[in-house]
Amino acid sequence: MKRLMIVGGAFAAAALLSSCTTMSKDECLAGAWGEKGYVDGSSGYPMTRLDDHTKACAKFQIAPNPAAYGSAREDGLRTYCTFRRGWEEGRAGNA
């Protein structure tokens, strides 16, 4: 019984860890780095978010396009970094 609990716990841990990736295999294969960069920028993610995507896609031997991601992220940041958003984030204690 104890062995069954250990094996079950290991499977549960593996499932939880795999759900923490920032990109799925299909997203990595699609290679829409500009789209991903724009979405991340408009959500306020830092450039280090690309490191998370790189790790997620490395499992599938797929490398990102940092230039496309970074350029589109900058465009996305323009929609995120507004006076109003800064004020709201500050009021919420997030800045």
PDB file of N, CA and C in Angstrom:
ATOM      1  N   MET A   1       0.826  -1.196   0.000  1.00  0.00           N
ATOM      2  CA  MET A   1       0.000   0.000   0.000  1.00  0.00           C
ATOM      3  C   MET A   1       0.867   1.256   0.000  1.00  0.00           C
ATOM      4  N   LYS A   2       1.904   1.244   0.838  1.00  0.00           N
ATOM      5  CA  LYS A   2       2.790   2.401   0.912  1.00  0.00           C
ATOM      6  C   LYS A   2       3.471   2.638  -0.433  1.00  0.00           C
ATOM      7  N   ARG A   3       3.867   1.547  -1.083  1.00  0.00           N
ATOM      8  CA  ARG A   3       4.519   1.657  -2.393  1.00  0.00           C
ATOM      9  C   ARG A   3       3.563   2.271  -3.423  1.00  0.00           C
ATOM     10  N   LEU A   4       2.316   1.866  -3.374  1.00  0.00           N
ATOM     11  CA  LEU A   4       1.304   2.400  -4.278  1.00  0.00           C
ATOM     12  C   LEU A   4       1.128   3.901  -4.068  1.00  0.00           C
ATOM     13  N   MET A   5       1.160   4.335  -2.821  1.00  0.00           N
ATOM     14  CA  MET A   5       1.031   5.762  -2.526  1.00  0.00           C
ATOM     15  C   MET A   5       2.236   6.540  -3.056  1.00  0.00           C
ATOM     16  N   ILE A   6       3.418   5.964  -2.945  1.00  0.00           N
ATOM     17  CA  ILE A   6       4.623   6.636  -3.438  1.00  0.00           C
ATOM     18  C   ILE A   6       4.569   6.769  -4.950  1.00  0.00           C
ATOM     19  N   VAL A   7       4.199   5.684  -5.630  1.00  0.00           N
ATOM     20  CA  VAL A   7       4.105   5.721  -7.094  1.00  0.00           C
ATOM     21  C   VAL A   7       3.027   6.712  -7.525  1.00  0.00           C
ATOM     22  N   GLY A   8       1.885   6.682  -6.853  1.00  0.00           N
ATOM     23  CA  GLY A   8       0.807   7.621  -7.174  1.00  0.00           C
ATOM     24  C   GLY A   8       1.232   9.059  -6.957  1.00  0.00           C
ATOM     25  N   GLY A   9       1.969   9.298  -5.874  1.00  0.00           N
ATOM     26  CA  GLY A   9       2.473  10.648  -5.603  1.00  0.00           C
ATOM     27  C   GLY A   9       3.455  11.111  -6.655  1.00  0.00           C
ATOM     28  N   ALA A  10       4.286  10.197  -7.131  1.00  0.00           N
ATOM     29  CA  ALA A  10       5.250  10.547  -8.179  1.00  0.00           C
ATOM     30  C   ALA A  10       4.534  10.933  -9.465  1.00  0.00           C
ATOM     31  N   PHE A  11       3.496  10.187  -9.824  1.00  0.00           N
ATOM     32  CA  PHE A  11       2.733  10.526 -11.027  1.00  0.00           C
ATOM     33  C   PHE A  11       2.020  11.870 -10.873  1.00  0.00           C
ATOM     34  N   ALA A  12       1.481  12.124  -9.710  1.00  0.00           N
ATOM     35  CA  ALA A  12       0.807  13.402  -9.462  1.00  0.00           C
ATOM     36  C   ALA A  12       1.789  14.559  -9.557  1.00  0.00           C
ATOM     37  N   ALA A  13       2.975  14.382  -8.990  1.00  0.00           N
ATOM     38  CA  ALA A  13       3.995  15.434  -9.055  1.00  0.00           C
ATOM     39  C   ALA A  13       4.419  15.687 -10.492  1.00  0.00           C
ATOM     40  N   ALA A  14       4.588  14.625 -11.265  1.00  0.00           N
ATOM     41  CA  ALA A  14       4.967  14.783 -12.671  1.00  0.00           C
ATOM     42  C   ALA A  14       3.884  15.524 -13.445  1.00  0.00           C
ATOM     43  N   ALA A  15       2.642  15.215 -13.169  1.00  0.00           N
ATOM     44  CA  ALA A  15       1.537  15.897 -13.849  1.00  0.00           C
ATOM     45  C   ALA A  15       1.502  17.375 -13.499  1.00  0.00           C
ATOM     46  N   LEU A  16       1.725  17.701 -12.243  1.00  0.00           N
ATOM     47  CA  LEU A  16       1.732  19.102 -11.832  1.00  0.00           C
ATOM     48  C   LEU A  16       2.885  19.863 -12.464  1.00  0.00           C
ATOM     49  N   LEU A  17       4.053  19.259 -12.491  1.00  0.00           N
ATOM     50  CA  LEU A  17       5.213  19.931 -13.070  1.00  0.00           C
ATOM     51  C   LEU A  17       5.039  20.151 -14.560  1.00  0.00           C
ATOM     52  N   SER A  18       4.466  19.187 -15.250  1.00  0.00           N
ATOM     53  CA  SER A  18       4.292  19.350 -16.687  1.00  0.00           C
ATOM     54  C   SER A  18       3.256  20.414 -17.006  1.00  0.00           C
ATOM     55  N   SER A  19       2.336  20.673 -16.088  1.00  0.00           N
ATOM     56  CA  SER A  19       1.319  21.689 -16.338  1.00  0.00           C
ATOM     57  C   SER A  19       1.848  23.098 -16.107  1.00  0.00           C
ATOM     58  N   CYS A  20       3.070  23.229 -15.599  1.00  0.00           N
ATOM     59  CA  CYS A  20       3.637  24.540 -15.307  1.00  0.00           C
ATOM     60  C   CYS A  20       4.402  25.131 -16.488  1.00  0.00           C
ATOM     61  N   THR A  21       4.473  24.441 -17.609  1.00  0.00           N
ATOM     62  CA  THR A  21       5.205  24.971 -18.746  1.00  0.00           C
ATOM     63  C   THR A  21       4.447  26.149 -19.338  1.00  0.00           C
ATOM     64  N   THR A  22       5.193  27.062 -19.937  1.00  0.00           N
ATOM     65  CA  THR A  22       4.569  28.263 -20.483  1.00  0.00           C
ATOM     66  C   THR A  22       4.056  28.068 -21.901  1.00  0.00           C
ATOM     67  N   MET A  23       4.520  27.007 -22.567  1.00  0.00           N
ATOM     68  CA  MET A  23       4.081  26.749 -23.938  1.00  0.00           C
ATOM     69  C   MET A  23       3.897  25.249 -24.151  1.00  0.00           C
ATOM     70  N   SER A  24       2.882  24.908 -24.923  1.00  0.00           N
ATOM     71  CA  SER A  24       2.638  23.508 -25.259  1.00  0.00           C
ATOM     72  C   SER A  24       3.501  23.110 -26.457  1.00  0.00           C
ATOM     73  N   LYS A  25       3.533  21.840 -26.742  1.00  0.00           N
ATOM     74  CA  LYS A  25       4.282  21.351 -27.903  1.00  0.00           C
ATOM     75  C   LYS A  25       3.746  21.991 -29.184  1.00  0.00           C
ATOM     76  N   ASP A  26       2.423  22.070 -29.303  1.00  0.00           N
ATOM     77  CA  ASP A  26       1.821  22.669 -30.497  1.00  0.00           C
ATOM     78  C   ASP A  26       2.210  24.134 -30.655  1.00  0.00           C
ATOM     79  N   GLU A  27       2.249  24.870 -29.540  1.00  0.00           N
ATOM     80  CA  GLU A  27       2.655  26.274 -29.610  1.00  0.00           C
ATOM     81  C   GLU A  27       4.115  26.395 -30.034  1.00  0.00           C
ATOM     82  N   CYS A  28       4.956  25.521 -29.498  1.00  0.00           N
ATOM     83  CA  CYS A  28       6.372  25.545 -29.875  1.00  0.00           C
ATOM     84  C   CYS A  28       6.536  25.234 -31.357  1.00  0.00           C
ATOM     85  N   LEU A  29       5.810  24.226 -31.837  1.00  0.00           N
ATOM     86  CA  LEU A  29       5.902  23.835 -33.245  1.00  0.00           C
ATOM     87  C   LEU A  29       5.384  24.926 -34.175  1.00  0.00           C
ATOM     88  N   ALA A  30       4.368  25.664 -33.725  1.00  0.00           N
ATOM     89  CA  ALA A  30       3.798  26.733 -34.562  1.00  0.00           C
ATOM     90  C   ALA A  30       4.816  27.833 -34.816  1.00  0.00           C
ATOM     91  N   GLY A  31       5.687  28.070 -33.854  1.00  0.00           N
ATOM     92  CA  GLY A  31       6.737  29.073 -34.033  1.00  0.00           C
ATOM     93  C   GLY A  31       6.235  30.498 -34.159  1.00  0.00           C
ATOM     94  N   ALA A  32       5.109  30.800 -33.559  1.00  0.00           N
ATOM     95  CA  ALA A  32       4.539  32.149 -33.632  1.00  0.00           C
ATOM     96  C   ALA A  32       5.152  33.017 -32.537  1.00  0.00           C
ATOM     97  N   TRP A  33       6.463  33.260 -32.657  1.00  0.00           N
ATOM     98  CA  TRP A  33       7.178  33.983 -31.600  1.00  0.00           C
ATOM     99  C   TRP A  33       6.760  35.441 -31.514  1.00  0.00           C
ATOM    100  N   GLY A  34       6.411  36.027 -32.631  1.00  0.00           N
ATOM    101  CA  GLY A  34       5.924  37.400 -32.601  1.00  0.00           C
ATOM    102  C   GLY A  34       4.606  37.503 -31.856  1.00  0.00           C
ATOM    103  N   GLU A  35       3.714  36.593 -32.147  1.00  0.00           N
ATOM    104  CA  GLU A  35       2.415  36.583 -31.470  1.00  0.00           C
ATOM    105  C   GLU A  35       2.592  36.357 -29.969  1.00  0.00           C
ATOM    106  N   LYS A  36       3.454  35.418 -29.610  1.00  0.00           N
ATOM    107  CA  LYS A  36       3.698  35.124 -28.193  1.00  0.00           C
ATOM    108  C   LYS A  36       4.321  36.341 -27.502  1.00  0.00           C
ATOM    109  N   GLY A  37       5.253  36.999 -28.178  1.00  0.00           N
ATOM    110  CA  GLY A  37       5.882  38.186 -27.614  1.00  0.00           C
ATOM    111  C   GLY A  37       4.885  39.310 -27.385  1.00  0.00           C
ATOM    112  N   TYR A  38       3.988  39.512 -28.350  1.00  0.00           N
ATOM    113  CA  TYR A  38       2.982  40.563 -28.217  1.00  0.00           C
ATOM    114  C   TYR A  38       2.059  40.282 -27.030  1.00  0.00           C
ATOM    115  N   VAL A  39       1.599  39.048 -26.929  1.00  0.00           N
ATOM    116  CA  VAL A  39       0.706  38.675 -25.825  1.00  0.00           C
ATOM    117  C   VAL A  39       1.416  38.854 -24.484  1.00  0.00           C
ATOM    118  N   ASP A  40       2.672  38.412 -24.412  1.00  0.00           N
ATOM    119  CA  ASP A  40       3.420  38.560 -23.158  1.00  0.00           C
ATOM    120  C   ASP A  40       3.643  40.028 -22.816  1.00  0.00           C
ATOM    121  N   GLY A  41       3.978  40.836 -23.817  1.00  0.00           N
ATOM    122  CA  GLY A  41       4.184  42.264 -23.582  1.00  0.00           C
ATOM    123  C   GLY A  41       2.912  42.953 -23.129  1.00  0.00           C
ATOM    124  N   SER A  42       1.801  42.639 -23.778  1.00  0.00           N
ATOM    125  CA  SER A  42       0.540  43.287 -23.411  1.00  0.00           C
ATOM    126  C   SER A  42       0.022  42.795 -22.063  1.00  0.00           C
ATOM    127  N   SER A  43       0.628  41.710 -21.555  1.00  0.00           N
ATOM    128  CA  SER A  43       0.292  41.215 -20.215  1.00  0.00           C
ATOM    129  C   SER A  43       1.284  41.705 -19.166  1.00  0.00           C
ATOM    130  N   GLY A  44       2.320  42.430 -19.613  1.00  0.00           N
ATOM    131  CA  GLY A  44       3.287  43.005 -18.685  1.00  0.00           C
ATOM    132  C   GLY A  44       4.424  42.091 -18.264  1.00  0.00           C
ATOM    133  N   TYR A  45       4.603  40.975 -18.956  1.00  0.00           N
ATOM    134  CA  TYR A  45       5.697  40.073 -18.593  1.00  0.00           C
ATOM    135  C   TYR A  45       7.045  40.685 -18.941  1.00  0.00           C
ATOM    136  N   PRO A  46       8.066  40.430 -18.115  1.00  0.00           N
ATOM    137  CA  PRO A  46       9.418  40.917 -18.427  1.00  0.00           C
ATOM    138  C   PRO A  46      10.034  40.081 -19.554  1.00  0.00           C
ATOM    139  N   MET A  47      11.120  40.592 -20.130  1.00  0.00           N
ATOM    140  CA  MET A  47      11.792  39.887 -21.221  1.00  0.00           C
ATOM    141  C   MET A  47      12.281  38.507 -20.779  1.00  0.00           C
ATOM    142  N   THR A  48      12.493  38.329 -19.487  1.00  0.00           N
ATOM    143  CA  THR A  48      12.947  37.024 -18.989  1.00  0.00           C
ATOM    144  C   THR A  48      11.901  35.930 -19.199  1.00  0.00           C
ATOM    145  N   ARG A  49      10.693  36.322 -19.557  1.00  0.00           N
ATOM    146  CA  ARG A  49       9.648  35.329 -19.869  1.00  0.00           C
ATOM    147  C   ARG A  49      10.085  34.461 -21.050  1.00  0.00           C
ATOM    148  N   LEU A  50      10.894  35.018 -21.944  1.00  0.00           N
ATOM    149  CA  LEU A  50      11.403  34.244 -23.077  1.00  0.00           C
ATOM    150  C   LEU A  50      12.243  33.068 -22.587  1.00  0.00           C
ATOM    151  N   ASP A  51      12.940  33.230 -21.476  1.00  0.00           N
ATOM    152  CA  ASP A  51      13.714  32.121 -20.900  1.00  0.00           C
ATOM    153  C   ASP A  51      12.795  30.956 -20.531  1.00  0.00           C
ATOM    154  N   ASP A  52      11.635  31.270 -19.988  1.00  0.00           N
ATOM    155  CA  ASP A  52      10.665  30.223 -19.637  1.00  0.00           C
ATOM    156  C   ASP A  52      10.176  29.500 -20.890  1.00  0.00           C
ATOM    157  N   HIS A  53       9.895  30.269 -21.942  1.00  0.00           N
ATOM    158  CA  HIS A  53       9.448  29.664 -23.201  1.00  0.00           C
ATOM    159  C   HIS A  53      10.559  28.818 -23.820  1.00  0.00           C
ATOM    160  N   THR A  54      11.797  29.303 -23.716  1.00  0.00           N
ATOM    161  CA  THR A  54      12.939  28.565 -24.257  1.00  0.00           C
ATOM    162  C   THR A  54      13.054  27.208 -23.578  1.00  0.00           C
ATOM    163  N   LYS A  55      12.914  27.191 -22.262  1.00  0.00           N
ATOM    164  CA  LYS A  55      12.985  25.927 -21.515  1.00  0.00           C
ATOM    165  C   LYS A  55      11.831  25.001 -21.894  1.00  0.00           C
ATOM    166  N   ALA A  56      10.637  25.560 -22.039  1.00  0.00           N
ATOM    167  CA  ALA A  56       9.475  24.741 -22.390  1.00  0.00           C
ATOM    168  C   ALA A  56       9.648  24.103 -23.765  1.00  0.00           C
ATOM    169  N   CYS A  57      10.158  24.857 -24.724  1.00  0.00           N
ATOM    170  CA  CYS A  57      10.300  24.349 -26.091  1.00  0.00           C
ATOM    171  C   CYS A  57      11.551  23.501 -26.279  1.00  0.00           C
ATOM    172  N   ALA A  58      12.519  23.629 -25.387  1.00  0.00           N
ATOM    173  CA  ALA A  58      13.734  22.811 -25.475  1.00  0.00           C
ATOM    174  C   ALA A  58      13.396  21.328 -25.340  1.00  0.00           C
ATOM    175  N   LYS A  59      12.337  21.018 -24.637  1.00  0.00           N
ATOM    176  CA  LYS A  59      11.901  19.627 -24.490  1.00  0.00           C
ATOM    177  C   LYS A  59      11.566  19.009 -25.841  1.00  0.00           C
ATOM    178  N   PHE A  60      11.228  19.850 -26.809  1.00  0.00           N
ATOM    179  CA  PHE A  60      10.844  19.390 -28.140  1.00  0.00           C
ATOM    180  C   PHE A  60      11.902  19.750 -29.188  1.00  0.00           C
ATOM    181  N   GLN A  61      13.091  20.120 -28.713  1.00  0.00           N
ATOM    182  CA  GLN A  61      14.216  20.524 -29.564  1.00  0.00           C
ATOM    183  C   GLN A  61      13.838  21.680 -30.495  1.00  0.00           C
ATOM    184  N   ILE A  62      13.128  22.650 -29.947  1.00  0.00           N
ATOM    185  CA  ILE A  62      12.718  23.825 -30.711  1.00  0.00           C
ATOM    186  C   ILE A  62      13.272  25.060 -30.020  1.00  0.00           C
ATOM    187  N   ALA A  63      13.948  25.902 -30.799  1.00  0.00           N
ATOM    188  CA  ALA A  63      14.531  27.137 -30.265  1.00  0.00           C
ATOM    189  C   ALA A  63      13.663  28.326 -30.673  1.00  0.00           C
ATOM    190  N   PRO A  64      13.561  29.322 -29.803  1.00  0.00           N
ATOM    191  CA  PRO A  64      12.755  30.505 -30.124  1.00  0.00           C
ATOM    192  C   PRO A  64      13.460  31.439 -31.103  1.00  0.00           C
ATOM    193  N   ASN A  65      12.719  32.423 -31.560  1.00  0.00           N
ATOM    194  CA  ASN A  65      13.260  33.497 -32.382  1.00  0.00           C
ATOM    195  C   ASN A  65      13.251  34.749 -31.499  1.00  0.00           C
ATOM    196  N   PRO A  66      14.372  35.031 -30.815  1.00  0.00           N
ATOM    197  CA  PRO A  66      14.393  36.153 -29.866  1.00  0.00           C
ATOM    198  C   PRO A  66      14.107  37.507 -30.504  1.00  0.00           C
ATOM    199  N   ALA A  67      14.537  37.712 -31.750  1.00  0.00           N
ATOM    200  CA  ALA A  67      14.306  39.004 -32.400  1.00  0.00           C
ATOM    201  C   ALA A  67      12.814  39.240 -32.628  1.00  0.00           C
ATOM    202  N   ALA A  68      12.123  38.234 -33.153  1.00  0.00           N
ATOM    203  CA  ALA A  68      10.684  38.370 -33.403  1.00  0.00           C
ATOM    204  C   ALA A  68       9.923  38.527 -32.090  1.00  0.00           C
ATOM    205  N   TYR A  69      10.300  37.742 -31.092  1.00  0.00           N
ATOM    206  CA  TYR A  69       9.642  37.811 -29.788  1.00  0.00           C
ATOM    207  C   TYR A  69       9.843  39.193 -29.157  1.00  0.00           C
ATOM    208  N   GLY A  70      11.090  39.651 -29.122  1.00  0.00           N
ATOM    209  CA  GLY A  70      11.411  40.921 -28.466  1.00  0.00           C
ATOM    210  C   GLY A  70      10.747  42.117 -29.124  1.00  0.00           C
ATOM    211  N   SER A  71      10.757  42.136 -30.451  1.00  0.00           N
ATOM    212  CA  SER A  71      10.143  43.247 -31.178  1.00  0.00           C
ATOM    213  C   SER A  71       8.634  43.307 -30.921  1.00  0.00           C
ATOM    214  N   ALA A  72       7.990  42.158 -31.004  1.00  0.00           N
ATOM    215  CA  ALA A  72       6.544  42.117 -30.775  1.00  0.00           C
ATOM    216  C   ALA A  72       6.205  42.394 -29.310  1.00  0.00           C
ATOM    217  N   ARG A  73       7.074  41.960 -28.393  1.00  0.00           N
ATOM    218  CA  ARG A  73       6.850  42.231 -26.970  1.00  0.00           C
ATOM    219  C   ARG A  73       6.864  43.731 -26.712  1.00  0.00           C
ATOM    220  N   GLU A  74       7.795  44.438 -27.365  1.00  0.00           N
ATOM    221  CA  GLU A  74       7.846  45.901 -27.227  1.00  0.00           C
ATOM    222  C   GLU A  74       6.535  46.528 -27.688  1.00  0.00           C
ATOM    223  N   ASP A  75       5.987  46.030 -28.796  1.00  0.00           N
ATOM    224  CA  ASP A  75       4.696  46.539 -29.273  1.00  0.00           C
ATOM    225  C   ASP A  75       3.598  46.265 -28.246  1.00  0.00           C
ATOM    226  N   GLY A  76       3.621  45.066 -27.669  1.00  0.00           N
ATOM    227  CA  GLY A  76       2.630  44.711 -26.658  1.00  0.00           C
ATOM    228  C   GLY A  76       2.743  45.563 -25.409  1.00  0.00           C
ATOM    229  N   LEU A  77       3.975  45.900 -25.039  1.00  0.00           N
ATOM    230  CA  LEU A  77       4.173  46.734 -23.848  1.00  0.00           C
ATOM    231  C   LEU A  77       3.525  48.104 -23.997  1.00  0.00           C
ATOM    232  N   ARG A  78       3.436  48.593 -25.220  1.00  0.00           N
ATOM    233  CA  ARG A  78       2.801  49.901 -25.439  1.00  0.00           C
ATOM    234  C   ARG A  78       1.329  49.882 -25.034  1.00  0.00           C
ATOM    235  N   THR A  79       0.706  48.722 -25.135  1.00  0.00           N
ATOM    236  CA  THR A  79      -0.696  48.626 -24.711  1.00  0.00           C
ATOM    237  C   THR A  79      -0.802  48.384 -23.212  1.00  0.00           C
ATOM    238  N   TYR A  80       0.270  47.873 -22.621  1.00  0.00           N
ATOM    239  CA  TYR A  80       0.265  47.584 -21.184  1.00  0.00           C
ATOM    240  C   TYR A  80       0.718  48.786 -20.362  1.00  0.00           C
ATOM    241  N   CYS A  81       1.777  49.424 -20.806  1.00  0.00           N
ATOM    242  CA  CYS A  81       2.394  50.510 -20.031  1.00  0.00           C
ATOM    243  C   CYS A  81       1.694  51.836 -20.307  1.00  0.00           C
ATOM    244  N   THR A  82       0.576  52.040 -19.647  1.00  0.00           N
ATOM    245  CA  THR A  82      -0.163  53.286 -19.781  1.00  0.00           C
ATOM    246  C   THR A  82      -0.222  53.965 -18.413  1.00  0.00           C
ATOM    247  N   PHE A  83      -0.516  55.243 -18.428  1.00  0.00           N
ATOM    248  CA  PHE A  83      -0.646  55.970 -17.168  1.00  0.00           C
ATOM    249  C   PHE A  83      -1.707  55.322 -16.288  1.00  0.00           C
ATOM    250  N   ARG A  84      -2.840  55.015 -16.894  1.00  0.00           N
ATOM    251  CA  ARG A  84      -3.949  54.431 -16.127  1.00  0.00           C
ATOM    252  C   ARG A  84      -3.543  53.098 -15.501  1.00  0.00           C
ATOM    253  N   ARG A  85      -2.898  52.248 -16.280  1.00  0.00           N
ATOM    254  CA  ARG A  85      -2.487  50.942 -15.746  1.00  0.00           C
ATOM    255  C   ARG A  85      -1.483  51.125 -14.614  1.00  0.00           C
ATOM    256  N   GLY A  86      -0.546  52.045 -14.791  1.00  0.00           N
ATOM    257  CA  GLY A  86       0.422  52.313 -13.732  1.00  0.00           C
ATOM    258  C   GLY A  86      -0.255  52.762 -12.453  1.00  0.00           C
ATOM    259  N   TRP A  87      -1.237  53.624 -12.610  1.00  0.00           N
ATOM    260  CA  TRP A  87      -1.984  54.102 -11.452  1.00  0.00           C
ATOM    261  C   TRP A  87      -2.730  52.946 -10.784  1.00  0.00           C
ATOM    262  N   GLU A  88      -3.404  52.110 -11.590  1.00  0.00           N
ATOM    263  CA  GLU A  88      -4.159  50.980 -11.045  1.00  0.00           C
ATOM    264  C   GLU A  88      -3.241  49.972 -10.349  1.00  0.00           C
ATOM    265  N   GLU A  89      -2.118  49.675 -10.962  1.00  0.00           N
ATOM    266  CA  GLU A  89      -1.169  48.726 -10.358  1.00  0.00           C
ATOM    267  C   GLU A  89      -0.608  49.291  -9.052  1.00  0.00           C
ATOM    268  N   GLY A  90      -0.315  50.590  -9.047  1.00  0.00           N
ATOM    269  CA  GLY A  90       0.180  51.229  -7.832  1.00  0.00           C
ATOM    270  C   GLY A  90      -0.846  51.212  -6.714  1.00  0.00           C
ATOM    271  N   ARG A  91      -2.086  51.514  -7.051  1.00  0.00           N
ATOM    272  CA  ARG A  91      -3.161  51.497  -6.049  1.00  0.00           C
ATOM    273  C   ARG A  91      -3.377  50.097  -5.484  1.00  0.00           C
ATOM    274  N   ALA A  92      -3.141  49.091  -6.323  1.00  0.00           N
ATOM    275  CA  ALA A  92      -3.327  47.702  -5.884  1.00  0.00           C
ATOM    276  C   ALA A  92      -2.114  47.173  -5.124  1.00  0.00           C
ATOM    277  N   GLY A  93      -1.057  47.998  -5.046  1.00  0.00           N
ATOM    278  CA  GLY A  93       0.147  47.578  -4.335  1.00  0.00           C
ATOM    279  C   GLY A  93       1.050  46.674  -5.148  1.00  0.00           C
ATOM    280  N   ASN A  94       0.881  46.675  -6.467  1.00  0.00           N
ATOM    281  CA  ASN A  94       1.674  45.801  -7.336  1.00  0.00           C
ATOM    282  C   ASN A  94       2.885  46.488  -7.940  1.00  0.00           C
ATOM    283  N   ALA A  95       3.046  47.763  -7.690  1.00  0.00           N
ATOM    284  CA  ALA A  95       4.162  48.478  -8.315  1.00  0.00           C
ATOM    285  C   ALA A  95       5.067  49.072  -7.258  1.00  0.00           C
TER     286      ALA A  95
END
